[in-house]
Amino acid sequence: TSPVISNIIMRDFDCTVGGWCDARGI
């Protein structure tokens, strides 16, 4: 269960950081 849960928990972080990067071509 641990890997699956870690992805669920990190989803908001990924979307925040990923969105910031997408806006800057990173």
mmCIF file of all heavy atoms, coordinates in Angstrom:
data_MODEL
# 
_entry.id   MODEL 
# 
loop_
_atom_site.group_PDB 
_atom_site.id 
_atom_site.type_symbol 
_atom_site.label_atom_id 
_atom_site.label_alt_id 
_atom_site.label_comp_id 
_atom_site.label_asym_id 
_atom_site.label_entity_id 
_atom_site.label_seq_id 
_atom_site.pdbx_PDB_ins_code 
_atom_site.Cartn_x 
_atom_site.Cartn_y 
_atom_site.Cartn_z 
_atom_site.occupancy 
_atom_site.B_iso_or_equiv 
_atom_site.pdbx_formal_charge 
_atom_site.auth_seq_id 
_atom_site.auth_comp_id 
_atom_site.auth_asym_id 
_atom_site.auth_atom_id 
_atom_site.pdbx_PDB_model_num 
ATOM 1   N N   . THR A 1 1  ? 0.811  -1.219 0.000   1.00 0.00 ? 1  THR A N   1 
ATOM 2   C CA  . THR A 1 1  ? 0.000  0.000  0.000   1.00 0.00 ? 1  THR A CA  1 
ATOM 3   C C   . THR A 1 1  ? 0.847  1.274  0.000   1.00 0.00 ? 1  THR A C   1 
ATOM 4   O O   . THR A 1 1  ? 0.383  2.327  -0.450  1.00 0.00 ? 1  THR A O   1 
ATOM 5   C CB  . THR A 1 1  ? -0.914 0.028  1.242   1.00 0.00 ? 1  THR A CB  1 
ATOM 6   O OG1 . THR A 1 1  ? -0.171 -0.437 2.375   1.00 0.00 ? 1  THR A OG1 1 
ATOM 7   C CG2 . THR A 1 1  ? -2.135 -0.838 1.039   1.00 0.00 ? 1  THR A CG2 1 
ATOM 8   N N   . SER A 1 2  ? 2.065  1.198  0.513   1.00 0.00 ? 2  SER A N   1 
ATOM 9   C CA  . SER A 1 2  ? 2.863  2.405  0.720   1.00 0.00 ? 2  SER A CA  1 
ATOM 10  C C   . SER A 1 2  ? 3.151  3.180  -0.568  1.00 0.00 ? 2  SER A C   1 
ATOM 11  O O   . SER A 1 2  ? 2.988  4.411  -0.594  1.00 0.00 ? 2  SER A O   1 
ATOM 12  C CB  . SER A 1 2  ? 4.168  2.061  1.437   1.00 0.00 ? 2  SER A CB  1 
ATOM 13  O OG  . SER A 1 2  ? 3.910  1.584  2.735   1.00 0.00 ? 2  SER A OG  1 
ATOM 14  N N   . PRO A 1 3  ? 3.595  2.539  -1.656  1.00 0.00 ? 3  PRO A N   1 
ATOM 15  C CA  . PRO A 1 3  ? 3.853  3.303  -2.881  1.00 0.00 ? 3  PRO A CA  1 
ATOM 16  C C   . PRO A 1 3  ? 2.600  4.009  -3.412  1.00 0.00 ? 3  PRO A C   1 
ATOM 17  O O   . PRO A 1 3  ? 2.671  5.163  -3.850  1.00 0.00 ? 3  PRO A O   1 
ATOM 18  C CB  . PRO A 1 3  ? 4.334  2.234  -3.865  1.00 0.00 ? 3  PRO A CB  1 
ATOM 19  C CG  . PRO A 1 3  ? 4.841  1.126  -3.014  1.00 0.00 ? 3  PRO A CG  1 
ATOM 20  C CD  . PRO A 1 3  ? 3.965  1.119  -1.812  1.00 0.00 ? 3  PRO A CD  1 
ATOM 21  N N   . VAL A 1 4  ? 1.453  3.299  -3.364  1.00 0.00 ? 4  VAL A N   1 
ATOM 22  C CA  . VAL A 1 4  ? 0.211  3.890  -3.867  1.00 0.00 ? 4  VAL A CA  1 
ATOM 23  C C   . VAL A 1 4  ? -0.184 5.096  -3.020  1.00 0.00 ? 4  VAL A C   1 
ATOM 24  O O   . VAL A 1 4  ? -0.558 6.152  -3.544  1.00 0.00 ? 4  VAL A O   1 
ATOM 25  C CB  . VAL A 1 4  ? -0.921 2.839  -3.860  1.00 0.00 ? 4  VAL A CB  1 
ATOM 26  C CG1 . VAL A 1 4  ? -2.184 3.417  -4.497  1.00 0.00 ? 4  VAL A CG1 1 
ATOM 27  C CG2 . VAL A 1 4  ? -0.491 1.574  -4.587  1.00 0.00 ? 4  VAL A CG2 1 
ATOM 28  N N   . ILE A 1 5  ? -0.104 4.941  -1.717  1.00 0.00 ? 5  ILE A N   1 
ATOM 29  C CA  . ILE A 1 5  ? -0.459 6.040  -0.808  1.00 0.00 ? 5  ILE A CA  1 
ATOM 30  C C   . ILE A 1 5  ? 0.474  7.228  -1.011  1.00 0.00 ? 5  ILE A C   1 
ATOM 31  O O   . ILE A 1 5  ? 0.042  8.385  -0.999  1.00 0.00 ? 5  ILE A O   1 
ATOM 32  C CB  . ILE A 1 5  ? -0.423 5.550  0.653   1.00 0.00 ? 5  ILE A CB  1 
ATOM 33  C CG1 . ILE A 1 5  ? -1.585 4.588  0.912   1.00 0.00 ? 5  ILE A CG1 1 
ATOM 34  C CG2 . ILE A 1 5  ? -0.489 6.733  1.624   1.00 0.00 ? 5  ILE A CG2 1 
ATOM 35  C CD1 . ILE A 1 5  ? -1.556 3.934  2.280   1.00 0.00 ? 5  ILE A CD1 1 
ATOM 36  N N   . SER A 1 6  ? 1.760  6.964  -1.219  1.00 0.00 ? 6  SER A N   1 
ATOM 37  C CA  . SER A 1 6  ? 2.704  8.074  -1.401  1.00 0.00 ? 6  SER A CA  1 
ATOM 38  C C   . SER A 1 6  ? 2.349  8.899  -2.629  1.00 0.00 ? 6  SER A C   1 
ATOM 39  O O   . SER A 1 6  ? 2.457  10.133 -2.605  1.00 0.00 ? 6  SER A O   1 
ATOM 40  C CB  . SER A 1 6  ? 4.135  7.536  -1.508  1.00 0.00 ? 6  SER A CB  1 
ATOM 41  O OG  . SER A 1 6  ? 4.352  6.857  -2.730  1.00 0.00 ? 6  SER A OG  1 
ATOM 42  N N   . ASN A 1 7  ? 1.915  8.254  -3.702  1.00 0.00 ? 7  ASN A N   1 
ATOM 43  C CA  . ASN A 1 7  ? 1.516  9.004  -4.902  1.00 0.00 ? 7  ASN A CA  1 
ATOM 44  C C   . ASN A 1 7  ? 0.261  9.830  -4.655  1.00 0.00 ? 7  ASN A C   1 
ATOM 45  O O   . ASN A 1 7  ? 0.131  10.952 -5.160  1.00 0.00 ? 7  ASN A O   1 
ATOM 46  C CB  . ASN A 1 7  ? 1.293  8.048  -6.073  1.00 0.00 ? 7  ASN A CB  1 
ATOM 47  C CG  . ASN A 1 7  ? 2.555  7.799  -6.879  1.00 0.00 ? 7  ASN A CG  1 
ATOM 48  O OD1 . ASN A 1 7  ? 3.536  8.538  -6.766  1.00 0.00 ? 7  ASN A OD1 1 
ATOM 49  N ND2 . ASN A 1 7  ? 2.536  6.769  -7.705  1.00 0.00 ? 7  ASN A ND2 1 
ATOM 50  N N   . ILE A 1 8  ? -0.683 9.273  -3.900  1.00 0.00 ? 8  ILE A N   1 
ATOM 51  C CA  . ILE A 1 8  ? -1.906 10.011 -3.576  1.00 0.00 ? 8  ILE A CA  1 
ATOM 52  C C   . ILE A 1 8  ? -1.567 11.254 -2.743  1.00 0.00 ? 8  ILE A C   1 
ATOM 53  O O   . ILE A 1 8  ? -2.060 12.358 -3.007  1.00 0.00 ? 8  ILE A O   1 
ATOM 54  C CB  . ILE A 1 8  ? -2.898 9.108  -2.816  1.00 0.00 ? 8  ILE A CB  1 
ATOM 55  C CG1 . ILE A 1 8  ? -3.399 7.990  -3.733  1.00 0.00 ? 8  ILE A CG1 1 
ATOM 56  C CG2 . ILE A 1 8  ? -4.074 9.925  -2.282  1.00 0.00 ? 8  ILE A CG2 1 
ATOM 57  C CD1 . ILE A 1 8  ? -4.225 6.928  -3.011  1.00 0.00 ? 8  ILE A CD1 1 
ATOM 58  N N   . ILE A 1 9  ? -0.706 11.067 -1.757  1.00 0.00 ? 9  ILE A N   1 
ATOM 59  C CA  . ILE A 1 9  ? -0.335 12.174 -0.870  1.00 0.00 ? 9  ILE A CA  1 
ATOM 60  C C   . ILE A 1 9  ? 0.440  13.251 -1.617  1.00 0.00 ? 9  ILE A C   1 
ATOM 61  O O   . ILE A 1 9  ? 0.291  14.444 -1.335  1.00 0.00 ? 9  ILE A O   1 
ATOM 62  C CB  . ILE A 1 9  ? 0.472  11.621 0.320   1.00 0.00 ? 9  ILE A CB  1 
ATOM 63  C CG1 . ILE A 1 9  ? -0.469 10.849 1.255   1.00 0.00 ? 9  ILE A CG1 1 
ATOM 64  C CG2 . ILE A 1 9  ? 1.200  12.737 1.071   1.00 0.00 ? 9  ILE A CG2 1 
ATOM 65  C CD1 . ILE A 1 9  ? 0.225  10.103 2.364   1.00 0.00 ? 9  ILE A CD1 1 
ATOM 66  N N   . MET A 1 10 ? 1.249  12.856 -2.596  1.00 0.00 ? 10 MET A N   1 
ATOM 67  C CA  . MET A 1 10 ? 2.090  13.814 -3.320  1.00 0.00 ? 10 MET A CA  1 
ATOM 68  C C   . MET A 1 10 ? 1.378  14.474 -4.500  1.00 0.00 ? 10 MET A C   1 
ATOM 69  O O   . MET A 1 10 ? 1.966  15.326 -5.170  1.00 0.00 ? 10 MET A O   1 
ATOM 70  C CB  . MET A 1 10 ? 3.346  13.117 -3.823  1.00 0.00 ? 10 MET A CB  1 
ATOM 71  C CG  . MET A 1 10 ? 4.315  12.686 -2.737  1.00 0.00 ? 10 MET A CG  1 
ATOM 72  S SD  . MET A 1 10 ? 4.991  14.074 -1.789  1.00 0.00 ? 10 MET A SD  1 
ATOM 73  C CE  . MET A 1 10 ? 6.040  14.840 -3.031  1.00 0.00 ? 10 MET A CE  1 
ATOM 74  N N   . ARG A 1 11 ? 0.128  14.113 -4.745  1.00 0.00 ? 11 ARG A N   1 
ATOM 75  C CA  . ARG A 1 11 ? -0.557 14.639 -5.929  1.00 0.00 ? 11 ARG A CA  1 
ATOM 76  C C   . ARG A 1 11 ? -0.662 16.163 -5.918  1.00 0.00 ? 11 ARG A C   1 
ATOM 77  O O   . ARG A 1 11 ? -0.339 16.821 -6.923  1.00 0.00 ? 11 ARG A O   1 
ATOM 78  C CB  . ARG A 1 11 ? -1.948 14.021 -6.061  1.00 0.00 ? 11 ARG A CB  1 
ATOM 79  C CG  . ARG A 1 11 ? -2.647 14.429 -7.353  1.00 0.00 ? 11 ARG A CG  1 
ATOM 80  C CD  . ARG A 1 11 ? -3.987 13.723 -7.529  1.00 0.00 ? 11 ARG A CD  1 
ATOM 81  N NE  . ARG A 1 11 ? -4.538 14.016 -8.836  1.00 0.00 ? 11 ARG A NE  1 
ATOM 82  C CZ  . ARG A 1 11 ? -5.257 15.093 -9.130  1.00 0.00 ? 11 ARG A CZ  1 
ATOM 83  N NH1 . ARG A 1 11 ? -5.508 15.986 -8.176  1.00 0.00 ? 11 ARG A NH1 1 
ATOM 84  N NH2 . ARG A 1 11 ? -5.710 15.294 -10.351 1.00 0.00 ? 11 ARG A NH2 1 
ATOM 85  N N   . ASP A 1 12 ? -1.099 16.749 -4.832  1.00 0.00 ? 12 ASP A N   1 
ATOM 86  C CA  . ASP A 1 12 ? -1.230 18.210 -4.771  1.00 0.00 ? 12 ASP A CA  1 
ATOM 87  C C   . ASP A 1 12 ? 0.125  18.888 -4.929  1.00 0.00 ? 12 ASP A C   1 
ATOM 88  O O   . ASP A 1 12 ? 0.254  19.918 -5.606  1.00 0.00 ? 12 ASP A O   1 
ATOM 89  C CB  . ASP A 1 12 ? -1.890 18.636 -3.461  1.00 0.00 ? 12 ASP A CB  1 
ATOM 90  C CG  . ASP A 1 12 ? -3.361 18.255 -3.400  1.00 0.00 ? 12 ASP A CG  1 
ATOM 91  O OD1 . ASP A 1 12 ? -3.930 17.944 -4.462  1.00 0.00 ? 12 ASP A OD1 1 
ATOM 92  O OD2 . ASP A 1 12 ? -3.925 18.242 -2.284  1.00 0.00 ? 12 ASP A OD2 1 
ATOM 93  N N   . PHE A 1 13 ? 1.142  18.317 -4.283  1.00 0.00 ? 13 PHE A N   1 
ATOM 94  C CA  . PHE A 1 13 ? 2.499  18.855 -4.428  1.00 0.00 ? 13 PHE A CA  1 
ATOM 95  C C   . PHE A 1 13 ? 2.929  18.815 -5.889  1.00 0.00 ? 13 PHE A C   1 
ATOM 96  O O   . PHE A 1 13 ? 3.436  19.810 -6.430  1.00 0.00 ? 13 PHE A O   1 
ATOM 97  C CB  . PHE A 1 13 ? 3.465  18.033 -3.569  1.00 0.00 ? 13 PHE A CB  1 
ATOM 98  C CG  . PHE A 1 13 ? 4.921  18.347 -3.813  1.00 0.00 ? 13 PHE A CG  1 
ATOM 99  C CD1 . PHE A 1 13 ? 5.561  19.340 -3.092  1.00 0.00 ? 13 PHE A CD1 1 
ATOM 100 C CD2 . PHE A 1 13 ? 5.648  17.642 -4.773  1.00 0.00 ? 13 PHE A CD2 1 
ATOM 101 C CE1 . PHE A 1 13 ? 6.902  19.633 -3.320  1.00 0.00 ? 13 PHE A CE1 1 
ATOM 102 C CE2 . PHE A 1 13 ? 6.985  17.927 -5.005  1.00 0.00 ? 13 PHE A CE2 1 
ATOM 103 C CZ  . PHE A 1 13 ? 7.616  18.918 -4.283  1.00 0.00 ? 13 PHE A CZ  1 
ATOM 104 N N   . ASP A 1 14 ? 2.742  17.663 -6.535  1.00 0.00 ? 14 ASP A N   1 
ATOM 105 C CA  . ASP A 1 14 ? 3.133  17.521 -7.940  1.00 0.00 ? 14 ASP A CA  1 
ATOM 106 C C   . ASP A 1 14 ? 2.430  18.540 -8.831  1.00 0.00 ? 14 ASP A C   1 
ATOM 107 O O   . ASP A 1 14 ? 3.049  19.144 -9.714  1.00 0.00 ? 14 ASP A O   1 
ATOM 108 C CB  . ASP A 1 14 ? 2.802  16.109 -8.440  1.00 0.00 ? 14 ASP A CB  1 
ATOM 109 C CG  . ASP A 1 14 ? 3.779  15.060 -7.930  1.00 0.00 ? 14 ASP A CG  1 
ATOM 110 O OD1 . ASP A 1 14 ? 4.888  15.434 -7.513  1.00 0.00 ? 14 ASP A OD1 1 
ATOM 111 O OD2 . ASP A 1 14 ? 3.425  13.866 -7.961  1.00 0.00 ? 14 ASP A OD2 1 
ATOM 112 N N   . CYS A 1 15 ? 1.132  18.710 -8.604  1.00 0.00 ? 15 CYS A N   1 
ATOM 113 C CA  . CYS A 1 15 ? 0.365  19.626 -9.454  1.00 0.00 ? 15 CYS A CA  1 
ATOM 114 C C   . CYS A 1 15 ? 0.801  21.073 -9.239  1.00 0.00 ? 15 CYS A C   1 
ATOM 115 O O   . CYS A 1 15 ? 0.865  21.859 -10.197 1.00 0.00 ? 15 CYS A O   1 
ATOM 116 C CB  . CYS A 1 15 ? -1.128 19.460 -9.187  1.00 0.00 ? 15 CYS A CB  1 
ATOM 117 S SG  . CYS A 1 15 ? -1.786 17.871 -9.767  1.00 0.00 ? 15 CYS A SG  1 
ATOM 118 N N   . THR A 1 16 ? 1.111  21.436 -7.998  1.00 0.00 ? 16 THR A N   1 
ATOM 119 C CA  . THR A 1 16 ? 1.579  22.799 -7.714  1.00 0.00 ? 16 THR A CA  1 
ATOM 120 C C   . THR A 1 16 ? 2.937  23.043 -8.356  1.00 0.00 ? 16 THR A C   1 
ATOM 121 O O   . THR A 1 16 ? 3.135  24.025 -9.094  1.00 0.00 ? 16 THR A O   1 
ATOM 122 C CB  . THR A 1 16 ? 1.676  23.032 -6.193  1.00 0.00 ? 16 THR A CB  1 
ATOM 123 O OG1 . THR A 1 16 ? 0.379  22.899 -5.616  1.00 0.00 ? 16 THR A OG1 1 
ATOM 124 C CG2 . THR A 1 16 ? 2.226  24.423 -5.902  1.00 0.00 ? 16 THR A CG2 1 
ATOM 125 N N   . VAL A 1 17 ? 3.881  22.155 -8.090  1.00 0.00 ? 17 VAL A N   1 
ATOM 126 C CA  . VAL A 1 17 ? 5.236  22.310 -8.626  1.00 0.00 ? 17 VAL A CA  1 
ATOM 127 C C   . VAL A 1 17 ? 5.234  22.122 -10.140 1.00 0.00 ? 17 VAL A C   1 
ATOM 128 O O   . VAL A 1 17 ? 5.872  22.883 -10.881 1.00 0.00 ? 17 VAL A O   1 
ATOM 129 C CB  . VAL A 1 17 ? 6.198  21.308 -7.952  1.00 0.00 ? 17 VAL A CB  1 
ATOM 130 C CG1 . VAL A 1 17 ? 7.565  21.338 -8.623  1.00 0.00 ? 17 VAL A CG1 1 
ATOM 131 C CG2 . VAL A 1 17 ? 6.325  21.626 -6.466  1.00 0.00 ? 17 VAL A CG2 1 
ATOM 132 N N   . GLY A 1 18 ? 4.497  21.118 -10.611 1.00 0.00 ? 18 GLY A N   1 
ATOM 133 C CA  . GLY A 1 18 ? 4.444  20.861 -12.047 1.00 0.00 ? 18 GLY A CA  1 
ATOM 134 C C   . GLY A 1 18 ? 3.809  21.996 -12.820 1.00 0.00 ? 18 GLY A C   1 
ATOM 135 O O   . GLY A 1 18 ? 4.271  22.362 -13.910 1.00 0.00 ? 18 GLY A O   1 
ATOM 136 N N   . GLY A 1 19 ? 2.741  22.569 -12.267 1.00 0.00 ? 19 GLY A N   1 
ATOM 137 C CA  . GLY A 1 19 ? 2.099  23.703 -12.928 1.00 0.00 ? 19 GLY A CA  1 
ATOM 138 C C   . GLY A 1 19 ? 3.028  24.906 -13.001 1.00 0.00 ? 19 GLY A C   1 
ATOM 139 O O   . GLY A 1 19 ? 3.081  25.606 -14.017 1.00 0.00 ? 19 GLY A O   1 
ATOM 140 N N   . TRP A 1 20 ? 3.756  25.158 -11.913 1.00 0.00 ? 20 TRP A N   1 
ATOM 141 C CA  . TRP A 1 20 ? 4.740  26.252 -11.887 1.00 0.00 ? 20 TRP A CA  1 
ATOM 142 C C   . TRP A 1 20 ? 5.810  26.022 -12.948 1.00 0.00 ? 20 TRP A C   1 
ATOM 143 O O   . TRP A 1 20 ? 6.203  26.959 -13.664 1.00 0.00 ? 20 TRP A O   1 
ATOM 144 C CB  . TRP A 1 20 ? 5.359  26.322 -10.491 1.00 0.00 ? 20 TRP A CB  1 
ATOM 145 C CG  . TRP A 1 20 ? 6.305  27.455 -10.254 1.00 0.00 ? 20 TRP A CG  1 
ATOM 146 C CD1 . TRP A 1 20 ? 5.996  28.703 -9.764  1.00 0.00 ? 20 TRP A CD1 1 
ATOM 147 C CD2 . TRP A 1 20 ? 7.729  27.459 -10.462 1.00 0.00 ? 20 TRP A CD2 1 
ATOM 148 N NE1 . TRP A 1 20 ? 7.125  29.476 -9.662  1.00 0.00 ? 20 TRP A NE1 1 
ATOM 149 C CE2 . TRP A 1 20 ? 8.209  28.736 -10.082 1.00 0.00 ? 20 TRP A CE2 1 
ATOM 150 C CE3 . TRP A 1 20 ? 8.630  26.515 -10.943 1.00 0.00 ? 20 TRP A CE3 1 
ATOM 151 C CZ2 . TRP A 1 20 ? 9.554  29.089 -10.173 1.00 0.00 ? 20 TRP A CZ2 1 
ATOM 152 C CZ3 . TRP A 1 20 ? 9.979  26.857 -11.028 1.00 0.00 ? 20 TRP A CZ3 1 
ATOM 153 C CH2 . TRP A 1 20 ? 10.432 28.126 -10.651 1.00 0.00 ? 20 TRP A CH2 1 
ATOM 154 N N   . CYS A 1 21 ? 6.273  24.783 -13.065 1.00 0.00 ? 21 CYS A N   1 
ATOM 155 C CA  . CYS A 1 21 ? 7.300  24.455 -14.060 1.00 0.00 ? 21 CYS A CA  1 
ATOM 156 C C   . CYS A 1 21 ? 6.765  24.559 -15.490 1.00 0.00 ? 21 CYS A C   1 
ATOM 157 O O   . CYS A 1 21 ? 7.449  25.084 -16.387 1.00 0.00 ? 21 CYS A O   1 
ATOM 158 C CB  . CYS A 1 21 ? 7.839  23.040 -13.813 1.00 0.00 ? 21 CYS A CB  1 
ATOM 159 S SG  . CYS A 1 21 ? 8.851  22.878 -12.333 1.00 0.00 ? 21 CYS A SG  1 
ATOM 160 N N   . ASP A 1 22 ? 5.551  24.071 -15.706 1.00 0.00 ? 22 ASP A N   1 
ATOM 161 C CA  . ASP A 1 22 ? 4.962  24.135 -17.050 1.00 0.00 ? 22 ASP A CA  1 
ATOM 162 C C   . ASP A 1 22 ? 4.884  25.573 -17.542 1.00 0.00 ? 22 ASP A C   1 
ATOM 163 O O   . ASP A 1 22 ? 5.131  25.867 -18.721 1.00 0.00 ? 22 ASP A O   1 
ATOM 164 C CB  . ASP A 1 22 ? 3.564  23.506 -17.047 1.00 0.00 ? 22 ASP A CB  1 
ATOM 165 C CG  . ASP A 1 22 ? 3.592  21.987 -16.883 1.00 0.00 ? 22 ASP A CG  1 
ATOM 166 O OD1 . ASP A 1 22 ? 4.677  21.391 -17.077 1.00 0.00 ? 22 ASP A OD1 1 
ATOM 167 O OD2 . ASP A 1 22 ? 2.543  21.409 -16.544 1.00 0.00 ? 22 ASP A OD2 1 
ATOM 168 N N   . ALA A 1 23 ? 4.526  26.477 -16.649 1.00 0.00 ? 23 ALA A N   1 
ATOM 169 C CA  . ALA A 1 23 ? 4.397  27.890 -17.024 1.00 0.00 ? 23 ALA A CA  1 
ATOM 170 C C   . ALA A 1 23 ? 5.736  28.507 -17.410 1.00 0.00 ? 23 ALA A C   1 
ATOM 171 O O   . ALA A 1 23 ? 5.776  29.542 -18.092 1.00 0.00 ? 23 ALA A O   1 
ATOM 172 C CB  . ALA A 1 23 ? 3.769  28.682 -15.876 1.00 0.00 ? 23 ALA A CB  1 
ATOM 173 N N   . ARG A 1 24 ? 6.824  27.861 -17.043 1.00 0.00 ? 24 ARG A N   1 
ATOM 174 C CA  . ARG A 1 24 ? 8.165  28.391 -17.321 1.00 0.00 ? 24 ARG A CA  1 
ATOM 175 C C   . ARG A 1 24 ? 8.967  27.515 -18.271 1.00 0.00 ? 24 ARG A C   1 
ATOM 176 O O   . ARG A 1 24 ? 10.174 27.708 -18.441 1.00 0.00 ? 24 ARG A O   1 
ATOM 177 C CB  . ARG A 1 24 ? 8.922  28.559 -15.985 1.00 0.00 ? 24 ARG A CB  1 
ATOM 178 C CG  . ARG A 1 24 ? 8.332  29.668 -15.117 1.00 0.00 ? 24 ARG A CG  1 
ATOM 179 C CD  . ARG A 1 24 ? 8.731  29.515 -13.661 1.00 0.00 ? 24 ARG A CD  1 
ATOM 180 N NE  . ARG A 1 24 ? 8.202  30.625 -12.852 1.00 0.00 ? 24 ARG A NE  1 
ATOM 181 C CZ  . ARG A 1 24 ? 6.944  30.692 -12.444 1.00 0.00 ? 24 ARG A CZ  1 
ATOM 182 N NH1 . ARG A 1 24 ? 6.085  29.724 -12.756 1.00 0.00 ? 24 ARG A NH1 1 
ATOM 183 N NH2 . ARG A 1 24 ? 6.540  31.730 -11.729 1.00 0.00 ? 24 ARG A NH2 1 
ATOM 184 N N   . GLY A 1 25 ? 8.301  26.548 -18.876 1.00 0.00 ? 25 GLY A N   1 
ATOM 185 C CA  . GLY A 1 25 ? 8.976  25.691 -19.840 1.00 0.00 ? 25 GLY A CA  1 
ATOM 186 C C   . GLY A 1 25 ? 9.989  24.744 -19.225 1.00 0.00 ? 25 GLY A C   1 
ATOM 187 O O   . GLY A 1 25 ? 10.945 24.329 -19.877 1.00 0.00 ? 25 GLY A O   1 
ATOM 188 N N   . ILE A 1 26 ? 9.775  24.373 -17.970 1.00 0.00 ? 26 ILE A N   1 
ATOM 189 C CA  . ILE A 1 26 ? 10.678 23.462 -17.263 1.00 0.00 ? 26 ILE A CA  1 
ATOM 190 C C   . ILE A 1 26 ? 10.031 22.078 -17.207 1.00 0.00 ? 26 ILE A C   1 
ATOM 191 O O   . ILE A 1 26 ? 8.853  21.951 -16.846 1.00 0.00 ? 26 ILE A O   1 
ATOM 192 C CB  . ILE A 1 26 ? 10.960 23.949 -15.828 1.00 0.00 ? 26 ILE A CB  1 
ATOM 193 C CG1 . ILE A 1 26 ? 11.530 25.372 -15.843 1.00 0.00 ? 26 ILE A CG1 1 
ATOM 194 C CG2 . ILE A 1 26 ? 11.896 23.001 -15.097 1.00 0.00 ? 26 ILE A CG2 1 
ATOM 195 C CD1 . ILE A 1 26 ? 11.608 26.012 -14.462 1.00 0.00 ? 26 ILE A CD1 1 
# 
